[in-house]
């Protein structure tokens, strides 16, 4: 994961960014959302090394409780 960085936007404003290797417990962002509120999230994950140097498989998990 040392070759992956991210930027998370909430309603077109950056709320968090950094290297994926620095995440605690693989948790990127946690919030409570009210029943009548609508938010838009955008997550950009990008390589910060040459593509020849890495071999990864990616997955995204969204957990709604």
C-alpha atoms as a PDB file:
ATOM      1  CA  UNK A   1       0.000   0.000   0.000  1.00  0.00           C
ATOM      2  CA  UNK A   2       2.975   2.319   0.098  1.00  0.00           C
ATOM      3  CA  UNK A   3       2.313   3.272  -3.533  1.00  0.00           C
ATOM      4  CA  UNK A   4      -1.291   4.386  -3.008  1.00  0.00           C
ATOM      5  CA  UNK A   5      -2.594   7.763  -1.919  1.00  0.00           C
ATOM      6  CA  UNK A   6      -6.142   9.064  -1.631  1.00  0.00           C
ATOM      7  CA  UNK A   7      -8.296  12.175  -1.482  1.00  0.00           C
ATOM      8  CA  UNK A   8     -11.855  12.062  -0.086  1.00  0.00           C
ATOM      9  CA  UNK A   9     -14.353  14.804  -0.900  1.00  0.00           C
ATOM     10  CA  UNK A  10     -17.677  15.481   0.822  1.00  0.00           C
ATOM     11  CA  UNK A  11     -19.983  17.769  -1.163  1.00  0.00           C
ATOM     12  CA  UNK A  12     -17.020  18.867  -3.321  1.00  0.00           C
ATOM     13  CA  UNK A  13     -14.877  19.859  -0.315  1.00  0.00           C
ATOM     14  CA  UNK A  14     -11.770  17.871   0.599  1.00  0.00           C
ATOM     15  CA  UNK A  15     -12.260  16.238   4.005  1.00  0.00           C
ATOM     16  CA  UNK A  16      -9.293  13.870   4.142  1.00  0.00           C
ATOM     17  CA  UNK A  17      -6.199  12.920   2.164  1.00  0.00           C
ATOM     18  CA  UNK A  18      -2.999  10.961   2.652  1.00  0.00           C
ATOM     19  CA  UNK A  19      -1.339   7.609   2.064  1.00  0.00           C
ATOM     20  CA  UNK A  20      -3.412   4.450   2.436  1.00  0.00           C
ATOM     21  CA  UNK A  21      -0.593   2.830   4.432  1.00  0.00           C
ATOM     22  CA  UNK A  22      -1.202   5.384   7.213  1.00  0.00           C
ATOM     23  CA  UNK A  23      -4.857   4.437   7.832  1.00  0.00           C
ATOM     24  CA  UNK A  24      -5.669   3.032  11.260  1.00  0.00           C
ATOM     25  CA  UNK A  25      -7.783  -0.145  11.204  1.00  0.00           C
ATOM     26  CA  UNK A  26      -8.326   0.385   7.451  1.00  0.00           C
ATOM     27  CA  UNK A  27     -10.922   3.050   8.291  1.00  0.00           C
ATOM     28  CA  UNK A  28     -10.901   5.978   5.923  1.00  0.00           C
ATOM     29  CA  UNK A  29     -13.861   8.026   7.160  1.00  0.00           C
ATOM     30  CA  UNK A  30     -16.775   7.557   9.537  1.00  0.00           C
ATOM     31  CA  UNK A  31     -19.815   9.766  10.033  1.00  0.00           C
ATOM     32  CA  UNK A  32     -23.476   9.620  11.000  1.00  0.00           C
ATOM     33  CA  UNK A  33     -25.950  10.800   8.410  1.00  0.00           C
ATOM     34  CA  UNK A  34     -29.451  12.047   9.199  1.00  0.00           C
ATOM     35  CA  UNK A  35     -32.435  10.526   7.441  1.00  0.00           C
ATOM     36  CA  UNK A  36     -33.275  13.617   5.373  1.00  0.00           C
ATOM     37  CA  UNK A  37     -29.774  14.784   4.486  1.00  0.00           C
ATOM     38  CA  UNK A  38     -28.147  14.081   1.132  1.00  0.00           C
ATOM     39  CA  UNK A  39     -24.355  14.111   0.844  1.00  0.00           C
ATOM     40  CA  UNK A  40     -22.119  13.362  -2.105  1.00  0.00           C
ATOM     41  CA  UNK A  41     -18.838  11.552  -1.519  1.00  0.00           C
ATOM     42  CA  UNK A  42     -16.012  11.235  -4.049  1.00  0.00           C
ATOM     43  CA  UNK A  43     -12.985   9.064  -3.343  1.00  0.00           C
ATOM     44  CA  UNK A  44      -9.926   9.301  -5.567  1.00  0.00           C
ATOM     45  CA  UNK A  45      -7.197   6.691  -5.173  1.00  0.00           C
ATOM     46  CA  UNK A  46      -4.024   7.193  -7.146  1.00  0.00           C
ATOM     47  CA  UNK A  47      -0.583   5.691  -7.565  1.00  0.00           C
ATOM     48  CA  UNK A  48       2.356   7.688  -6.339  1.00  0.00           C
ATOM     49  CA  UNK A  49       4.958   5.392  -7.971  1.00  0.00           C
ATOM     50  CA  UNK A  50       5.619   4.124 -11.454  1.00  0.00           C
ATOM     51  CA  UNK A  51       3.125   1.446 -12.530  1.00  0.00           C
ATOM     52  CA  UNK A  52       5.920  -1.059 -13.239  1.00  0.00           C
ATOM     53  CA  UNK A  53       6.845  -1.130  -9.544  1.00  0.00           C
ATOM     54  CA  UNK A  54       3.529  -2.427  -8.210  1.00  0.00           C
ATOM     55  CA  UNK A  55       1.139  -5.364  -8.471  1.00  0.00           C
ATOM     56  CA  UNK A  56      -1.999  -4.872  -6.343  1.00  0.00           C
ATOM     57  CA  UNK A  57      -5.608  -6.009  -6.256  1.00  0.00           C
ATOM     58  CA  UNK A  58      -8.094  -3.380  -5.062  1.00  0.00           C
ATOM     59  CA  UNK A  59     -11.496  -3.586  -3.405  1.00  0.00           C
ATOM     60  CA  UNK A  60     -13.923  -1.083  -1.890  1.00  0.00           C
ATOM     61  CA  UNK A  61     -16.185  -1.910   1.043  1.00  0.00           C
ATOM     62  CA  UNK A  62     -19.057   0.350   2.049  1.00  0.00           C
ATOM     63  CA  UNK A  63     -20.622  -0.460   5.407  1.00  0.00           C
ATOM     64  CA  UNK A  64     -23.987   1.017   6.301  1.00  0.00           C
ATOM     65  CA  UNK A  65     -25.341   0.180   9.741  1.00  0.00           C
END
